[in-house]
Amino acid sequence: MSNDCLFCEIISSKISANIVDETKNLLAFQDINPQAPVHILIIPKMHIASCNDLNENNIHYISEMALMARRISDAENILKHGYRWVINTGNNGGQTVDHIHLHLLGGRNMAWPPG
């Protein structure tokens, strides 16, 4: 946990969030600034600042996040028509919170290229 991390504060319940799913290692909650009808953030409960901090000891979180995204996609009824996963990394990648997170977006057609 990081003392100055917004997502770590959500994990520790210091800040409330609309929780969608939770496991021993992950937490999923609705984005407060949704960019699609379904916009859910999936985060590891362990503080990992970005993809640049992934290594052999923590890479398993990515596969767990992928499986949770798949499960939530089914529960949110976006599995059949499609959805998008986004993990922003660094300033130029659009990362605004220094805690790795997967955006699960769906419920509308997604444009390409993204912004």
PDB file of N, CA and C in Angstrom:
ATOM      1  N   MET A   1       0.834  -1.190   0.000  1.00  0.00           N
ATOM      2  CA  MET A   1       0.000   0.000   0.000  1.00  0.00           C
ATOM      3  C   MET A   1       0.877   1.252   0.000  1.00  0.00           C
ATOM      4  N   SER A   2       0.386   2.244  -0.687  1.00  0.00           N
ATOM      5  CA  SER A   2       1.067   3.527  -0.710  1.00  0.00           C
ATOM      6  C   SER A   2       0.189   4.551   0.009  1.00  0.00           C
ATOM      7  N   ASN A   3       0.789   5.332   0.876  1.00  0.00           N
ATOM      8  CA  ASN A   3       0.030   6.280   1.688  1.00  0.00           C
ATOM      9  C   ASN A   3      -0.598   7.411   0.882  1.00  0.00           C
ATOM     10  N   ASP A   4      -0.036   7.731  -0.275  1.00  0.00           N
ATOM     11  CA  ASP A   4      -0.557   8.847  -1.049  1.00  0.00           C
ATOM     12  C   ASP A   4      -1.241   8.390  -2.342  1.00  0.00           C
ATOM     13  N   CYS A   5      -1.735   7.161  -2.373  1.00  0.00           N
ATOM     14  CA  CYS A   5      -2.350   6.599  -3.572  1.00  0.00           C
ATOM     15  C   CYS A   5      -3.870   6.539  -3.413  1.00  0.00           C
ATOM     16  N   LEU A   6      -4.568   7.177  -4.323  1.00  0.00           N
ATOM     17  CA  LEU A   6      -6.028   7.179  -4.311  1.00  0.00           C
ATOM     18  C   LEU A   6      -6.601   5.764  -4.306  1.00  0.00           C
ATOM     19  N   PHE A   7      -6.069   4.884  -5.159  1.00  0.00           N
ATOM     20  CA  PHE A   7      -6.605   3.527  -5.240  1.00  0.00           C
ATOM     21  C   PHE A   7      -6.280   2.717  -3.988  1.00  0.00           C
ATOM     22  N   CYS A   8      -5.132   2.944  -3.367  1.00  0.00           N
ATOM     23  CA  CYS A   8      -4.828   2.264  -2.107  1.00  0.00           C
ATOM     24  C   CYS A   8      -5.803   2.704  -1.020  1.00  0.00           C
ATOM     25  N   GLU A   9      -6.241   3.952  -1.077  1.00  0.00           N
ATOM     26  CA  GLU A   9      -7.220   4.430  -0.109  1.00  0.00           C
ATOM     27  C   GLU A   9      -8.587   3.791  -0.362  1.00  0.00           C
ATOM     28  N   ILE A  10      -8.917   3.514  -1.611  1.00  0.00           N
ATOM     29  CA  ILE A  10     -10.155   2.791  -1.917  1.00  0.00           C
ATOM     30  C   ILE A  10     -10.050   1.355  -1.400  1.00  0.00           C
ATOM     31  N   ILE A  11      -8.909   0.720  -1.622  1.00  0.00           N
ATOM     32  CA  ILE A  11      -8.692  -0.656  -1.152  1.00  0.00           C
ATOM     33  C   ILE A  11      -8.858  -0.730   0.362  1.00  0.00           C
ATOM     34  N   SER A  12      -8.332   0.238   1.075  1.00  0.00           N
ATOM     35  CA  SER A  12      -8.400   0.225   2.539  1.00  0.00           C
ATOM     36  C   SER A  12      -9.701   0.820   3.077  1.00  0.00           C
ATOM     37  N   SER A  13     -10.637   1.156   2.202  1.00  0.00           N
ATOM     38  CA  SER A  13     -11.959   1.708   2.552  1.00  0.00           C
ATOM     39  C   SER A  13     -11.900   3.097   3.169  1.00  0.00           C
ATOM     40  N   LYS A  14     -10.793   3.805   3.000  1.00  0.00           N
ATOM     41  CA  LYS A  14     -10.722   5.196   3.459  1.00  0.00           C
ATOM     42  C   LYS A  14     -11.518   6.108   2.528  1.00  0.00           C
ATOM     43  N   ILE A  15     -11.634   5.688   1.272  1.00  0.00           N
ATOM     44  CA  ILE A  15     -12.454   6.388   0.270  1.00  0.00           C
ATOM     45  C   ILE A  15     -13.447   5.366  -0.255  1.00  0.00           C
ATOM     46  N   SER A  16     -14.705   5.777  -0.386  1.00  0.00           N
ATOM     47  CA  SER A  16     -15.727   4.843  -0.857  1.00  0.00           C
ATOM     48  C   SER A  16     -15.717   4.753  -2.387  1.00  0.00           C
ATOM     49  N   ALA A  17     -16.175   3.624  -2.874  1.00  0.00           N
ATOM     50  CA  ALA A  17     -16.295   3.382  -4.307  1.00  0.00           C
ATOM     51  C   ALA A  17     -17.443   2.412  -4.511  1.00  0.00           C
ATOM     52  N   ASN A  18     -18.002   2.423  -5.711  1.00  0.00           N
ATOM     53  CA  ASN A  18     -19.060   1.493  -6.055  1.00  0.00           C
ATOM     54  C   ASN A  18     -18.409   0.194  -6.515  1.00  0.00           C
ATOM     55  N   ILE A  19     -18.242  -0.743  -5.598  1.00  0.00           N
ATOM     56  CA  ILE A  19     -17.535  -2.001  -5.842  1.00  0.00           C
ATOM     57  C   ILE A  19     -18.385  -2.911  -6.728  1.00  0.00           C
ATOM     58  N   VAL A  20     -17.748  -3.470  -7.753  1.00  0.00           N
ATOM     59  CA  VAL A  20     -18.411  -4.372  -8.696  1.00  0.00           C
ATOM     60  C   VAL A  20     -18.020  -5.822  -8.423  1.00  0.00           C
ATOM     61  N   ASP A  21     -16.752  -6.049  -8.069  1.00  0.00           N
ATOM     62  CA  ASP A  21     -16.246  -7.395  -7.824  1.00  0.00           C
ATOM     63  C   ASP A  21     -15.013  -7.291  -6.939  1.00  0.00           C
ATOM     64  N   GLU A  22     -14.723  -8.384  -6.232  1.00  0.00           N
ATOM     65  CA  GLU A  22     -13.554  -8.400  -5.358  1.00  0.00           C
ATOM     66  C   GLU A  22     -13.093  -9.832  -5.168  1.00  0.00           C
ATOM     67  N   THR A  23     -11.785 -10.004  -5.163  1.00  0.00           N
ATOM     68  CA  THR A  23     -11.162 -11.271  -4.823  1.00  0.00           C
ATOM     69  C   THR A  23     -10.099 -10.989  -3.774  1.00  0.00           C
ATOM     70  N   LYS A  24      -9.379 -12.031  -3.394  1.00  0.00           N
ATOM     71  CA  LYS A  24      -8.289 -11.866  -2.430  1.00  0.00           C
ATOM     72  C   LYS A  24      -7.262 -10.842  -2.935  1.00  0.00           C
ATOM     73  N   ASN A  25      -7.002 -10.834  -4.248  1.00  0.00           N
ATOM     74  CA  ASN A  25      -5.937 -10.006  -4.812  1.00  0.00           C
ATOM     75  C   ASN A  25      -6.387  -8.781  -5.584  1.00  0.00           C
ATOM     76  N   LEU A  26      -7.673  -8.711  -5.948  1.00  0.00           N
ATOM     77  CA  LEU A  26      -8.144  -7.654  -6.844  1.00  0.00           C
ATOM     78  C   LEU A  26      -9.389  -6.963  -6.316  1.00  0.00           C
ATOM     79  N   LEU A  27      -9.592  -5.747  -6.821  1.00  0.00           N
ATOM     80  CA  LEU A  27     -10.801  -4.991  -6.545  1.00  0.00           C
ATOM     81  C   LEU A  27     -11.256  -4.357  -7.857  1.00  0.00           C
ATOM     82  N   ALA A  28     -12.557  -4.404  -8.122  1.00  0.00           N
ATOM     83  CA  ALA A  28     -13.129  -3.768  -9.309  1.00  0.00           C
ATOM     84  C   ALA A  28     -14.227  -2.819  -8.868  1.00  0.00           C
ATOM     85  N   PHE A  29     -14.226  -1.617  -9.449  1.00  0.00           N
ATOM     86  CA  PHE A  29     -15.216  -0.612  -9.080  1.00  0.00           C
ATOM     87  C   PHE A  29     -15.520   0.280 -10.272  1.00  0.00           C
ATOM     88  N   GLN A  30     -16.676   0.939 -10.220  1.00  0.00           N
ATOM     89  CA  GLN A  30     -17.081   1.807 -11.314  1.00  0.00           C
ATOM     90  C   GLN A  30     -16.222   3.067 -11.343  1.00  0.00           C
ATOM     91  N   ASP A  31     -15.838   3.466 -12.546  1.00  0.00           N
ATOM     92  CA  ASP A  31     -15.074   4.696 -12.731  1.00  0.00           C
ATOM     93  C   ASP A  31     -15.965   5.887 -12.402  1.00  0.00           C
ATOM     94  N   ILE A  32     -15.425   6.881 -11.708  1.00  0.00           N
ATOM     95  CA  ILE A  32     -16.225   8.055 -11.341  1.00  0.00           C
ATOM     96  C   ILE A  32     -16.417   9.008 -12.519  1.00  0.00           C
ATOM     97  N   ASN A  33     -15.674   8.817 -13.600  1.00  0.00           N
ATOM     98  CA  ASN A  33     -15.798   9.632 -14.806  1.00  0.00           C
ATOM     99  C   ASN A  33     -15.950   8.695 -16.004  1.00  0.00           C
ATOM    100  N   PRO A  34     -17.080   8.001 -16.103  1.00  0.00           N
ATOM    101  CA  PRO A  34     -17.223   6.957 -17.122  1.00  0.00           C
ATOM    102  C   PRO A  34     -17.152   7.489 -18.550  1.00  0.00           C
ATOM    103  N   GLN A  35     -16.452   6.734 -19.392  1.00  0.00           N
ATOM    104  CA  GLN A  35     -16.301   7.069 -20.800  1.00  0.00           C
ATOM    105  C   GLN A  35     -17.147   6.168 -21.687  1.00  0.00           C
ATOM    106  N   ALA A  36     -17.929   5.296 -21.080  1.00  0.00           N
ATOM    107  CA  ALA A  36     -18.817   4.374 -21.788  1.00  0.00           C
ATOM    108  C   ALA A  36     -19.902   3.958 -20.793  1.00  0.00           C
ATOM    109  N   PRO A  37     -21.015   3.393 -21.292  1.00  0.00           N
ATOM    110  CA  PRO A  37     -22.054   2.934 -20.366  1.00  0.00           C
ATOM    111  C   PRO A  37     -21.532   1.969 -19.301  1.00  0.00           C
ATOM    112  N   VAL A  38     -20.573   1.123 -19.674  1.00  0.00           N
ATOM    113  CA  VAL A  38     -19.875   0.280 -18.700  1.00  0.00           C
ATOM    114  C   VAL A  38     -18.435   0.767 -18.669  1.00  0.00           C
ATOM    115  N   HIS A  39     -17.987   1.235 -17.514  1.00  0.00           N
ATOM    116  CA  HIS A  39     -16.592   1.670 -17.347  1.00  0.00           C
ATOM    117  C   HIS A  39     -16.176   1.296 -15.931  1.00  0.00           C
ATOM    118  N   ILE A  40     -15.475   0.188 -15.853  1.00  0.00           N
ATOM    119  CA  ILE A  40     -15.080  -0.379 -14.565  1.00  0.00           C
ATOM    120  C   ILE A  40     -13.560  -0.439 -14.496  1.00  0.00           C
ATOM    121  N   LEU A  41     -13.014  -0.088 -13.350  1.00  0.00           N
ATOM    122  CA  LEU A  41     -11.573  -0.181 -13.117  1.00  0.00           C
ATOM    123  C   LEU A  41     -11.285  -1.444 -12.319  1.00  0.00           C
ATOM    124  N   ILE A  42     -10.278  -2.171 -12.752  1.00  0.00           N
ATOM    125  CA  ILE A  42      -9.842  -3.391 -12.065  1.00  0.00           C
ATOM    126  C   ILE A  42      -8.415  -3.159 -11.609  1.00  0.00           C
ATOM    127  N   ILE A  43      -8.189  -3.306 -10.303  1.00  0.00           N
ATOM    128  CA  ILE A  43      -6.873  -2.995  -9.738  1.00  0.00           C
ATOM    129  C   ILE A  43      -6.391  -4.132  -8.843  1.00  0.00           C
ATOM    130  N   PRO A  44      -5.070  -4.315  -8.777  1.00  0.00           N
ATOM    131  CA  PRO A  44      -4.543  -5.240  -7.772  1.00  0.00           C
ATOM    132  C   PRO A  44      -4.575  -4.560  -6.401  1.00  0.00           C
ATOM    133  N   LYS A  45      -4.784  -5.345  -5.364  1.00  0.00           N
ATOM    134  CA  LYS A  45      -4.752  -4.793  -4.009  1.00  0.00           C
ATOM    135  C   LYS A  45      -3.331  -4.467  -3.569  1.00  0.00           C
ATOM    136  N   MET A  46      -2.363  -5.061  -4.227  1.00  0.00           N
ATOM    137  CA  MET A  46      -0.961  -4.726  -3.988  1.00  0.00           C
ATOM    138  C   MET A  46      -0.637  -3.478  -4.811  1.00  0.00           C
ATOM    139  N   HIS A  47       0.046  -2.511  -4.214  1.00  0.00           N
ATOM    140  CA  HIS A  47       0.400  -1.299  -4.955  1.00  0.00           C
ATOM    141  C   HIS A  47       1.493  -1.610  -5.971  1.00  0.00           C
ATOM    142  N   ILE A  48       1.136  -1.460  -7.239  1.00  0.00           N
ATOM    143  CA  ILE A  48       2.086  -1.536  -8.352  1.00  0.00           C
ATOM    144  C   ILE A  48       1.841  -0.251  -9.135  1.00  0.00           C
ATOM    145  N   ALA A  49       2.826   0.602  -9.232  1.00  0.00           N
ATOM    146  CA  ALA A  49       2.616   1.928  -9.802  1.00  0.00           C
ATOM    147  C   ALA A  49       2.192   1.893 -11.270  1.00  0.00           C
ATOM    148  N   SER A  50       2.831   1.079 -12.090  1.00  0.00           N
ATOM    149  CA  SER A  50       2.494   1.042 -13.517  1.00  0.00           C
ATOM    150  C   SER A  50       3.003  -0.251 -14.135  1.00  0.00           C
ATOM    151  N   CYS A  51       2.732  -0.423 -15.414  1.00  0.00           N
ATOM    152  CA  CYS A  51       3.242  -1.597 -16.134  1.00  0.00           C
ATOM    153  C   CYS A  51       4.762  -1.656 -16.080  1.00  0.00           C
ATOM    154  N   ASN A  52       5.399  -0.516 -15.939  1.00  0.00           N
ATOM    155  CA  ASN A  52       6.862  -0.480 -15.858  1.00  0.00           C
ATOM    156  C   ASN A  52       7.387  -1.165 -14.601  1.00  0.00           C
ATOM    157  N   ASP A  53       6.514  -1.411 -13.634  1.00  0.00           N
ATOM    158  CA  ASP A  53       6.917  -2.041 -12.375  1.00  0.00           C
ATOM    159  C   ASP A  53       6.526  -3.512 -12.298  1.00  0.00           C
ATOM    160  N   LEU A  54       6.050  -4.063 -13.406  1.00  0.00           N
ATOM    161  CA  LEU A  54       5.735  -5.489 -13.433  1.00  0.00           C
ATOM    162  C   LEU A  54       7.014  -6.311 -13.497  1.00  0.00           C
ATOM    163  N   ASN A  55       7.008  -7.445 -12.830  1.00  0.00           N
ATOM    164  CA  ASN A  55       8.167  -8.335 -12.835  1.00  0.00           C
ATOM    165  C   ASN A  55       7.693  -9.768 -12.607  1.00  0.00           C
ATOM    166  N   GLU A  56       8.631 -10.683 -12.485  1.00  0.00           N
ATOM    167  CA  GLU A  56       8.300 -12.103 -12.320  1.00  0.00           C
ATOM    168  C   GLU A  56       7.471 -12.370 -11.062  1.00  0.00           C
ATOM    169  N   ASN A  57       7.619 -11.520 -10.056  1.00  0.00           N
ATOM    170  CA  ASN A  57       6.924 -11.733  -8.783  1.00  0.00           C
ATOM    171  C   ASN A  57       5.490 -11.209  -8.760  1.00  0.00           C
ATOM    172  N   ASN A  58       5.157 -10.282  -9.675  1.00  0.00           N
ATOM    173  CA  ASN A  58       3.812  -9.695  -9.621  1.00  0.00           C
ATOM    174  C   ASN A  58       3.039  -9.791 -10.940  1.00  0.00           C
ATOM    175  N   ILE A  59       3.623 -10.379 -11.971  1.00  0.00           N
ATOM    176  CA  ILE A  59       2.979 -10.450 -13.280  1.00  0.00           C
ATOM    177  C   ILE A  59       1.663 -11.231 -13.230  1.00  0.00           C
ATOM    178  N   HIS A  60       1.509 -12.109 -12.269  1.00  0.00           N
ATOM    179  CA  HIS A  60       0.278 -12.888 -12.157  1.00  0.00           C
ATOM    180  C   HIS A  60      -0.950 -11.998 -11.979  1.00  0.00           C
ATOM    181  N   TYR A  61      -0.757 -10.779 -11.467  1.00  0.00           N
ATOM    182  CA  TYR A  61      -1.895  -9.879 -11.308  1.00  0.00           C
ATOM    183  C   TYR A  61      -2.538  -9.542 -12.652  1.00  0.00           C
ATOM    184  N   ILE A  62      -1.752  -9.463 -13.707  1.00  0.00           N
ATOM    185  CA  ILE A  62      -2.299  -9.143 -15.030  1.00  0.00           C
ATOM    186  C   ILE A  62      -3.251 -10.241 -15.498  1.00  0.00           C
ATOM    187  N   SER A  63      -2.862 -11.499 -15.335  1.00  0.00           N
ATOM    188  CA  SER A  63      -3.759 -12.579 -15.755  1.00  0.00           C
ATOM    189  C   SER A  63      -4.998 -12.621 -14.871  1.00  0.00           C
ATOM    190  N   GLU A  64      -4.858 -12.344 -13.587  1.00  0.00           N
ATOM    191  CA  GLU A  64      -6.019 -12.295 -12.700  1.00  0.00           C
ATOM    192  C   GLU A  64      -6.952 -11.150 -13.093  1.00  0.00           C
ATOM    193  N   MET A  65      -6.372 -10.015 -13.472  1.00  0.00           N
ATOM    194  CA  MET A  65      -7.177  -8.875 -13.923  1.00  0.00           C
ATOM    195  C   MET A  65      -7.914  -9.227 -15.211  1.00  0.00           C
ATOM    196  N   ALA A  66      -7.258  -9.931 -16.111  1.00  0.00           N
ATOM    197  CA  ALA A  66      -7.885 -10.334 -17.375  1.00  0.00           C
ATOM    198  C   ALA A  66      -9.064 -11.268 -17.115  1.00  0.00           C
ATOM    199  N   LEU A  67      -8.886 -12.227 -16.236  1.00  0.00           N
ATOM    200  CA  LEU A  67      -9.972 -13.153 -15.917  1.00  0.00           C
ATOM    201  C   LEU A  67     -11.143 -12.435 -15.243  1.00  0.00           C
ATOM    202  N   MET A  68     -10.849 -11.485 -14.373  1.00  0.00           N
ATOM    203  CA  MET A  68     -11.919 -10.726 -13.733  1.00  0.00           C
ATOM    204  C   MET A  68     -12.651  -9.874 -14.765  1.00  0.00           C
ATOM    205  N   ALA A  69     -11.909  -9.266 -15.684  1.00  0.00           N
ATOM    206  CA  ALA A  69     -12.538  -8.454 -16.732  1.00  0.00           C
ATOM    207  C   ALA A  69     -13.475  -9.306 -17.573  1.00  0.00           C
ATOM    208  N   ARG A  70     -13.073 -10.510 -17.872  1.00  0.00           N
ATOM    209  CA  ARG A  70     -13.910 -11.424 -18.654  1.00  0.00           C
ATOM    210  C   ARG A  70     -15.185 -11.761 -17.875  1.00  0.00           C
ATOM    211  N   ARG A  71     -15.039 -12.042 -16.599  1.00  0.00           N
ATOM    212  CA  ARG A  71     -16.189 -12.381 -15.750  1.00  0.00           C
ATOM    213  C   ARG A  71     -17.155 -11.191 -15.633  1.00  0.00           C
ATOM    214  N   ILE A  72     -16.617 -10.001 -15.428  1.00  0.00           N
ATOM    215  CA  ILE A  72     -17.443  -8.803 -15.308  1.00  0.00           C
ATOM    216  C   ILE A  72     -18.117  -8.491 -16.646  1.00  0.00           C
ATOM    217  N   SER A  73     -17.404  -8.705 -17.756  1.00  0.00           N
ATOM    218  CA  SER A  73     -17.998  -8.476 -19.074  1.00  0.00           C
ATOM    219  C   SER A  73     -19.240  -9.316 -19.273  1.00  0.00           C
ATOM    220  N   ASP A  74     -19.201 -10.536 -18.797  1.00  0.00           N
ATOM    221  CA  ASP A  74     -20.360 -11.416 -18.873  1.00  0.00           C
ATOM    222  C   ASP A  74     -21.475 -10.889 -17.970  1.00  0.00           C
ATOM    223  N   ALA A  75     -21.153 -10.526 -16.747  1.00  0.00           N
ATOM    224  CA  ALA A  75     -22.148 -10.034 -15.793  1.00  0.00           C
ATOM    225  C   ALA A  75     -22.786  -8.720 -16.246  1.00  0.00           C
ATOM    226  N   GLU A  76     -22.032  -7.892 -16.961  1.00  0.00           N
ATOM    227  CA  GLU A  76     -22.519  -6.591 -17.430  1.00  0.00           C
ATOM    228  C   GLU A  76     -23.174  -6.674 -18.813  1.00  0.00           C
ATOM    229  N   ASN A  77     -23.288  -7.886 -19.345  1.00  0.00           N
ATOM    230  CA  ASN A  77     -23.934  -8.126 -20.646  1.00  0.00           C
ATOM    231  C   ASN A  77     -23.250  -7.413 -21.813  1.00  0.00           C
ATOM    232  N   ILE A  78     -21.921  -7.312 -21.760  1.00  0.00           N
ATOM    233  CA  ILE A  78     -21.180  -6.731 -22.886  1.00  0.00           C
ATOM    234  C   ILE A  78     -20.302  -7.771 -23.570  1.00  0.00           C
ATOM    235  N   LEU A  79     -20.304  -8.983 -23.065  1.00  0.00           N
ATOM    236  CA  LEU A  79     -19.449 -10.046 -23.594  1.00  0.00           C
ATOM    237  C   LEU A  79     -19.754 -10.325 -25.064  1.00  0.00           C
ATOM    238  N   LYS A  80     -21.013 -10.457 -25.399  1.00  0.00           N
ATOM    239  CA  LYS A  80     -21.421 -10.846 -26.752  1.00  0.00           C
ATOM    240  C   LYS A  80     -21.092  -9.776 -27.796  1.00  0.00           C
ATOM    241  N   HIS A  81     -21.311  -8.511 -27.471  1.00  0.00           N
ATOM    242  CA  HIS A  81     -21.158  -7.438 -28.461  1.00  0.00           C
ATOM    243  C   HIS A  81     -19.779  -6.795 -28.464  1.00  0.00           C
ATOM    244  N   GLY A  82     -18.974  -7.083 -27.464  1.00  0.00           N
ATOM    245  CA  GLY A  82     -17.606  -6.582 -27.445  1.00  0.00           C
ATOM    246  C   GLY A  82     -17.355  -5.516 -26.399  1.00  0.00           C
ATOM    247  N   TYR A  83     -16.100  -5.342 -26.104  1.00  0.00           N
ATOM    248  CA  TYR A  83     -15.655  -4.430 -25.061  1.00  0.00           C
ATOM    249  C   TYR A  83     -14.197  -4.113 -25.312  1.00  0.00           C
ATOM    250  N   ARG A  84     -13.658  -3.217 -24.515  1.00  0.00           N
ATOM    251  CA  ARG A  84     -12.254  -2.822 -24.647  1.00  0.00           C
ATOM    252  C   ARG A  84     -11.596  -2.834 -23.286  1.00  0.00           C
ATOM    253  N   TRP A  85     -10.332  -3.291 -23.264  1.00  0.00           N
ATOM    254  CA  TRP A  85      -9.486  -3.179 -22.079  1.00  0.00           C
ATOM    255  C   TRP A  85      -8.433  -2.124 -22.388  1.00  0.00           C
ATOM    256  N   VAL A  86      -8.156  -1.279 -21.420  1.00  0.00           N
ATOM    257  CA  VAL A  86      -7.109  -0.271 -21.570  1.00  0.00           C
ATOM    258  C   VAL A  86      -6.295  -0.240 -20.288  1.00  0.00           C
ATOM    259  N   ILE A  87      -4.973  -0.282 -20.435  1.00  0.00           N
ATOM    260  CA  ILE A  87      -4.066  -0.039 -19.310  1.00  0.00           C
ATOM    261  C   ILE A  87      -3.123   1.071 -19.747  1.00  0.00           C
ATOM    262  N   ASN A  88      -3.326   2.260 -19.200  1.00  0.00           N
ATOM    263  CA  ASN A  88      -2.470   3.407 -19.530  1.00  0.00           C
ATOM    264  C   ASN A  88      -1.198   3.331 -18.694  1.00  0.00           C
ATOM    265  N   THR A  89      -0.081   3.725 -19.296  1.00  0.00           N
ATOM    266  CA  THR A  89       1.202   3.694 -18.594  1.00  0.00           C
ATOM    267  C   THR A  89       1.957   4.999 -18.835  1.00  0.00           C
ATOM    268  N   GLY A  90       2.267   5.695 -17.763  1.00  0.00           N
ATOM    269  CA  GLY A  90       3.042   6.930 -17.842  1.00  0.00           C
ATOM    270  C   GLY A  90       2.239   8.115 -18.347  1.00  0.00           C
ATOM    271  N   ASN A  91       2.856   9.285 -18.295  1.00  0.00           N
ATOM    272  CA  ASN A  91       2.185  10.526 -18.681  1.00  0.00           C
ATOM    273  C   ASN A  91       1.706  10.503 -20.134  1.00  0.00           C
ATOM    274  N   ASN A  92       2.582  10.151 -21.055  1.00  0.00           N
ATOM    275  CA  ASN A  92       2.185  10.127 -22.464  1.00  0.00           C
ATOM    276  C   ASN A  92       1.173   9.034 -22.761  1.00  0.00           C
ATOM    277  N   GLY A  93       1.114   8.013 -21.935  1.00  0.00           N
ATOM    278  CA  GLY A  93       0.134   6.945 -22.096  1.00  0.00           C
ATOM    279  C   GLY A  93      -1.214   7.277 -21.484  1.00  0.00           C
ATOM    280  N   GLY A  94      -1.298   8.414 -20.799  1.00  0.00           N
ATOM    281  CA  GLY A  94      -2.565   8.850 -20.221  1.00  0.00           C
ATOM    282  C   GLY A  94      -2.822   8.367 -18.805  1.00  0.00           C
ATOM    283  N   GLN A  95      -1.811   7.822 -18.131  1.00  0.00           N
ATOM    284  CA  GLN A  95      -2.008   7.344 -16.762  1.00  0.00           C
ATOM    285  C   GLN A  95      -2.147   8.528 -15.818  1.00  0.00           C
ATOM    286  N   THR A  96      -3.243   8.566 -15.057  1.00  0.00           N
ATOM    287  CA  THR A  96      -3.489   9.682 -14.140  1.00  0.00           C
ATOM    288  C   THR A  96      -3.396   9.275 -12.670  1.00  0.00           C
ATOM    289  N   VAL A  97      -3.476   7.979 -12.385  1.00  0.00           N
ATOM    290  CA  VAL A  97      -3.307   7.477 -11.019  1.00  0.00           C
ATOM    291  C   VAL A  97      -2.158   6.475 -11.055  1.00  0.00           C
ATOM    292  N   ASP A  98      -1.154   6.697 -10.215  1.00  0.00           N
ATOM    293  CA  ASP A  98       0.025   5.829 -10.202  1.00  0.00           C
ATOM    294  C   ASP A  98      -0.241   4.552  -9.414  1.00  0.00           C
ATOM    295  N   HIS A  99      -1.160   3.752  -9.937  1.00  0.00           N
ATOM    296  CA  HIS A  99      -1.485   2.417  -9.426  1.00  0.00           C
ATOM    297  C   HIS A  99      -2.046   1.699 -10.646  1.00  0.00           C
ATOM    298  N   ILE A 100      -1.388   0.642 -11.073  1.00  0.00           N
ATOM    299  CA  ILE A 100      -1.808  -0.036 -12.296  1.00  0.00           C
ATOM    300  C   ILE A 100      -3.304  -0.368 -12.231  1.00  0.00           C
ATOM    301  N   HIS A 101      -3.989  -0.106 -13.331  1.00  0.00           N
ATOM    302  CA  HIS A 101      -5.421  -0.390 -13.383  1.00  0.00           C
ATOM    303  C   HIS A 101      -5.845  -0.657 -14.818  1.00  0.00           C
ATOM    304  N   LEU A 102      -6.767  -1.603 -14.937  1.00  0.00           N
ATOM    305  CA  LEU A 102      -7.328  -1.981 -16.220  1.00  0.00           C
ATOM    306  C   LEU A 102      -8.702  -1.331 -16.326  1.00  0.00           C
ATOM    307  N   HIS A 103      -8.897  -0.548 -17.385  1.00  0.00           N
ATOM    308  CA  HIS A 103     -10.207   0.020 -17.682  1.00  0.00           C
ATOM    309  C   HIS A 103     -10.966  -1.007 -18.506  1.00  0.00           C
ATOM    310  N   LEU A 104     -12.135  -1.390 -18.064  1.00  0.00           N
ATOM    311  CA  LEU A 104     -13.033  -2.243 -18.832  1.00  0.00           C
ATOM    312  C   LEU A 104     -14.150  -1.345 -19.344  1.00  0.00           C
ATOM    313  N   LEU A 105     -14.210  -1.189 -20.671  1.00  0.00           N
ATOM    314  CA  LEU A 105     -15.170  -0.286 -21.302  1.00  0.00           C
ATOM    315  C   LEU A 105     -16.079  -1.063 -22.232  1.00  0.00           C
ATOM    316  N   GLY A 106     -17.367  -0.769 -22.195  1.00  0.00           N
ATOM    317  CA  GLY A 106     -18.290  -1.433 -23.102  1.00  0.00           C
ATOM    318  C   GLY A 106     -19.650  -0.785 -23.083  1.00  0.00           C
ATOM    319  N   GLY A 107     -20.550  -1.350 -23.875  1.00  0.00           N
ATOM    320  CA  GLY A 107     -21.903  -0.827 -23.940  1.00  0.00           C
ATOM    321  C   GLY A 107     -22.111   0.170 -25.052  1.00  0.00           C
ATOM    322  N   ARG A 108     -21.076   0.426 -25.860  1.00  0.00           N
ATOM    323  CA  ARG A 108     -21.186   1.299 -27.031  1.00  0.00           C
ATOM    324  C   ARG A 108     -20.094   0.906 -28.022  1.00  0.00           C
ATOM    325  N   ASN A 109     -20.204   1.399 -29.247  1.00  0.00           N
ATOM    326  CA  ASN A 109     -19.151   1.172 -30.237  1.00  0.00           C
ATOM    327  C   ASN A 109     -17.920   1.987 -29.843  1.00  0.00           C
ATOM    328  N   MET A 110     -16.761   1.387 -29.950  1.00  0.00           N
ATOM    329  CA  MET A 110     -15.505   2.054 -29.626  1.00  0.00           C
ATOM    330  C   MET A 110     -14.841   2.518 -30.914  1.00  0.00           C
ATOM    331  N   ALA A 111     -14.369   3.742 -30.938  1.00  0.00           N
ATOM    332  CA  ALA A 111     -13.694   4.301 -32.112  1.00  0.00           C
ATOM    333  C   ALA A 111     -12.239   3.867 -32.137  1.00  0.00           C
ATOM    334  N   TRP A 112     -11.669   3.869 -33.334  1.00  0.00           N
ATOM    335  CA  TRP A 112     -10.241   3.615 -33.488  1.00  0.00           C
ATOM    336  C   TRP A 112      -9.686   4.570 -34.507  1.00  0.00           C
ATOM    337  N   PRO A 113      -8.587   5.211 -34.305  1.00  0.00           N
ATOM    338  CA  PRO A 113      -7.757   5.044 -33.115  1.00  0.00           C
ATOM    339  C   PRO A 113      -8.330   5.787 -31.913  1.00  0.00           C
ATOM    340  N   PRO A 114      -7.962   5.314 -30.707  1.00  0.00           N
ATOM    341  CA  PRO A 114      -8.414   6.041 -29.516  1.00  0.00           C
ATOM    342  C   PRO A 114      -7.719   7.398 -29.455  1.00  0.00           C
ATOM    343  N   GLY A 115      -8.186   8.279 -28.580  1.00  0.00           N
ATOM    344  CA  GLY A 115      -7.698   9.646 -28.458  1.00  0.00           C
ATOM    345  C   GLY A 115      -6.292   9.866 -28.285  1.00  0.00           C
TER     346      GLY A 115
END
